Protein backbone atom coordinates (compact mmCIF):
# COMPACT_ATOMS: atom_id res chain seq x y z
CA MET A 1 16.93 -25.31 -42.20
CA THR A 2 15.42 -28.35 -40.47
CA PRO A 3 11.51 -28.44 -39.99
CA THR A 4 12.13 -26.95 -36.05
CA THR A 5 14.27 -23.98 -37.31
CA ALA A 6 12.53 -22.84 -40.22
CA GLY A 7 10.73 -19.69 -39.92
CA ARG A 8 12.18 -18.86 -36.48
CA PRO A 9 13.59 -15.45 -36.38
CA PRO A 10 17.23 -14.75 -35.48
CA GLY A 11 18.05 -13.65 -32.35
CA ARG A 12 17.17 -14.21 -28.75
CA PRO A 13 13.82 -16.00 -28.08
CA ARG A 14 11.07 -13.85 -26.71
CA ALA A 15 10.00 -16.09 -24.32
CA GLY A 16 11.97 -15.52 -20.95
CA VAL A 17 12.81 -12.12 -22.07
CA THR A 18 10.88 -10.19 -19.29
CA ASP A 19 12.15 -12.69 -16.63
CA ALA A 20 15.91 -12.11 -17.76
CA VAL A 21 15.27 -8.38 -17.69
CA PHE A 22 13.26 -8.30 -14.01
CA ALA A 23 16.32 -10.69 -12.92
CA ALA A 24 18.79 -8.23 -14.56
CA THR A 25 17.01 -5.20 -12.79
CA LEU A 26 17.21 -6.51 -9.17
CA ARG A 27 20.89 -7.85 -9.75
CA THR A 28 21.78 -4.46 -11.15
CA VAL A 29 19.87 -2.43 -8.63
CA HIS A 30 21.47 -4.64 -5.58
CA GLU A 31 25.14 -4.51 -6.96
CA ILE A 32 25.46 -0.84 -8.11
CA GLY A 33 22.21 0.86 -6.75
CA TYR A 34 19.14 2.59 -7.91
CA ALA A 35 20.38 5.50 -9.28
CA ARG A 36 23.15 4.13 -11.17
CA ALA A 37 21.14 0.98 -12.44
CA THR A 38 20.45 2.59 -15.87
CA VAL A 39 17.91 0.99 -18.62
CA ASP A 40 21.61 0.68 -20.35
CA ARG A 41 22.91 -1.32 -17.53
CA ILE A 42 19.94 -3.31 -17.04
CA ALA A 43 19.69 -4.12 -20.75
CA ALA A 44 23.24 -5.17 -20.78
CA ALA A 45 23.12 -7.22 -17.64
CA ALA A 46 20.25 -8.98 -19.30
CA GLY A 47 21.96 -9.69 -22.31
CA ILE A 48 19.61 -7.64 -25.00
CA ALA A 49 19.24 -4.40 -26.70
CA LYS A 50 18.21 -1.46 -24.55
CA THR A 51 15.55 -0.88 -27.69
CA THR A 52 14.15 -4.40 -26.47
CA VAL A 53 13.79 -3.00 -23.17
CA TYR A 54 11.88 0.31 -24.35
CA ARG A 55 9.50 -1.65 -26.55
CA ARG A 56 8.15 -3.25 -23.38
CA TRP A 57 8.79 -0.37 -20.76
CA PRO A 58 8.83 3.33 -21.82
CA SER A 59 11.02 4.08 -18.90
CA LYS A 60 12.87 3.20 -15.98
CA GLY A 61 10.21 3.87 -13.50
CA ALA A 62 7.71 1.86 -15.55
CA LEU A 63 9.94 -1.15 -15.65
CA ILE A 64 10.94 -0.84 -11.76
CA ILE A 65 7.14 -1.19 -11.04
CA ASP A 66 6.64 -4.09 -13.18
CA CYS A 67 9.79 -5.78 -11.60
CA LEU A 68 8.44 -4.86 -8.01
CA LEU A 69 5.12 -6.31 -9.13
CA ASP A 70 6.76 -9.76 -10.28
CA ALA A 71 9.05 -9.79 -7.10
CA PHE A 72 6.16 -9.21 -4.80
CA GLY A 73 3.59 -11.28 -6.39
CA PRO A 74 -0.16 -11.49 -4.78
CA VAL A 75 -0.43 -10.87 -1.01
CA PRO A 76 -0.76 -13.56 0.91
CA LEU A 77 -3.99 -12.88 3.16
CA ALA A 78 -3.60 -15.98 5.27
CA GLY A 79 -5.37 -16.22 8.68
CA ASP A 80 -8.60 -16.91 10.36
CA ASP A 81 -8.94 -13.49 11.84
CA ARG A 82 -7.75 -9.88 11.35
CA ASP A 83 -4.65 -10.36 13.52
CA GLU A 84 -3.39 -13.05 11.51
CA VAL A 85 -4.24 -11.33 8.37
CA ILE A 86 -2.40 -8.25 9.04
CA SER A 87 0.44 -10.40 10.77
CA THR A 88 0.97 -12.31 7.56
CA ALA A 89 1.00 -8.93 5.29
CA VAL A 90 3.45 -7.24 6.98
CA ARG A 91 5.81 -9.97 7.61
CA TRP A 92 5.59 -10.75 3.86
CA ILE A 93 6.11 -6.88 2.98
CA ALA A 94 8.84 -6.97 5.69
CA GLY A 95 10.57 -10.17 3.94
CA LYS A 96 9.98 -8.64 0.16
CA ILE A 97 11.75 -5.31 0.71
CA GLY A 98 14.71 -7.35 2.66
CA GLU A 99 15.59 -9.29 -0.76
CA PRO A 100 18.03 -8.04 -2.81
CA GLY A 101 17.68 -5.12 -4.80
CA VAL A 102 13.96 -5.04 -3.90
CA GLY A 103 14.22 -2.63 -1.08
CA ASP A 104 16.59 -0.28 -2.90
CA ALA A 105 14.25 -0.52 -6.31
CA PHE A 106 11.23 0.21 -4.25
CA ALA A 107 12.77 3.38 -2.52
CA GLY A 108 14.50 4.64 -5.29
CA VAL A 109 11.26 4.36 -7.78
CA PHE A 110 9.32 6.05 -4.61
CA SER A 111 11.75 8.79 -4.30
CA ASP A 112 11.78 9.49 -8.16
CA ALA A 113 7.94 9.66 -7.99
CA VAL A 114 7.80 12.63 -5.41
CA SER A 115 8.81 14.78 -8.18
CA ASP A 116 7.14 13.04 -11.29
CA PRO A 117 3.35 13.04 -11.26
CA ALA A 118 2.93 10.57 -14.16
CA LEU A 119 5.23 7.97 -12.26
CA ARG A 120 3.27 8.43 -9.01
CA ASP A 121 0.21 8.00 -10.79
CA LEU A 122 1.65 4.79 -12.39
CA LEU A 123 3.21 3.55 -8.96
CA ALA A 124 -0.23 4.04 -7.12
CA SER A 125 -2.44 2.59 -9.75
CA ARG A 126 -0.30 -0.36 -10.84
CA PHE A 127 1.43 -1.26 -7.47
CA GLN A 128 -0.29 0.25 -4.65
CA ASP A 129 -3.86 -0.10 -5.65
CA PRO A 130 -4.02 -3.77 -6.15
CA TYR A 131 -2.48 -4.54 -2.93
CA ARG A 132 -4.66 -1.78 -1.19
CA ILE A 133 -8.07 -3.23 -2.73
CA ALA A 134 -6.89 -6.90 -1.39
CA LEU A 135 -6.31 -5.57 2.03
CA GLN A 136 -9.37 -3.53 2.12
CA ASP A 137 -11.53 -6.87 1.18
CA ALA A 138 -9.63 -8.79 3.62
CA LEU A 139 -9.75 -6.43 6.31
CA GLY A 140 -13.12 -4.98 5.62
CA GLU A 141 -11.91 -1.49 6.36
CA PRO A 142 -12.06 1.57 4.43
CA GLU A 143 -9.36 2.82 1.96
CA HIS A 144 -8.02 5.85 4.12
CA ARG A 145 -7.16 3.08 6.92
CA VAL A 146 -5.71 0.71 4.70
CA LEU A 147 -3.75 3.57 3.04
CA PHE A 148 -2.58 4.41 6.87
CA LEU A 149 -1.60 0.58 7.46
CA ILE A 150 0.45 0.56 4.02
CA ASP A 151 2.22 4.07 4.78
CA THR A 152 3.00 2.86 8.30
CA VAL A 153 4.65 -0.31 7.27
CA VAL A 154 6.04 0.36 4.06
CA GLY A 155 7.35 3.65 5.12
CA THR A 156 9.05 2.23 8.45
CA LEU A 157 10.46 -0.78 6.62
CA LEU A 158 12.08 1.54 3.71
CA HIS A 159 13.03 4.26 6.21
CA ARG A 160 15.25 1.62 8.41
CA MET A 161 16.64 0.22 4.97
CA GLY A 162 17.85 3.72 4.16
CA MET A 163 19.20 4.44 7.38
CA THR A 164 21.01 1.22 7.94
CA GLY A 165 21.51 -0.30 4.67
CA ARG A 166 19.88 -3.44 5.86
CA PRO A 167 16.44 -4.91 6.26
CA MET A 168 14.46 -4.74 9.39
CA VAL A 169 15.57 -7.22 12.00
CA ASP A 170 12.70 -9.93 13.15
CA ALA A 171 12.54 -8.63 16.47
CA ASP A 172 11.47 -5.16 15.12
CA VAL A 173 9.26 -6.50 12.63
CA ASP A 174 7.85 -8.19 15.57
CA ALA A 175 6.99 -4.58 17.25
CA LEU A 176 5.74 -3.23 14.15
CA VAL A 177 3.16 -6.05 13.63
CA ASP A 178 2.12 -5.55 17.33
CA MET A 179 1.57 -1.81 16.96
CA VAL A 180 -0.45 -2.09 13.66
CA ARG A 181 -2.57 -4.87 15.02
CA ARG A 182 -3.45 -2.97 18.31
CA TYR A 183 -4.37 -0.04 15.88
CA PHE A 184 -6.79 -2.46 13.87
CA THR A 185 -8.58 -4.06 17.08
CA PRO A 186 -12.02 -3.38 17.17
CA THR A 187 -11.90 -0.90 20.28
CA ALA A 188 -9.14 1.00 18.62
CA ALA A 189 -11.19 0.77 15.35
CA GLY A 190 -14.18 2.49 16.69
CA ARG A 191 -12.28 5.25 18.35
CA ARG A 192 -10.75 6.38 15.04
CA ARG A 193 -13.62 6.13 12.76
CA THR A 194 -14.76 9.63 13.61
């Protein structure tokens, strides 16, 4: 053994395993759909044992949530005013949902969460809450109004993806941005805060 290989365990290096699993997850979901993208198939696509996946994530749902967090990254809250922040956030969400495998993975785990309370709690706390809190801070809005924004935007985008198999076109995203911005104008906000 050379000094650089002494003490290194055999097998795949651990660095990069998470990245490989996330890439394999989105690729597998994109190629065969969420329902058929089992942990076995994802592990095979990543070139690792499924036990390696289960050591990091206790379930497919937990894996998908962490994969989505990685795919989405931090919400860009750029802009000098509320309209710009809302516009940037909505366009960002639309762009992410339109990426290969992301919309399908999001819709799939969301659908599974409807009948799985533990997964629903994980989806809310690990995935939705960080984005909700960032939007609340940026917009200065209470939780229920930001949840309405998230429900409206994400629900609309996933519905379109589910009904057409394609992401929403830019002209429709523009209309969605305008609709949401109107709801959050100071006049509209004052009327709805009762």
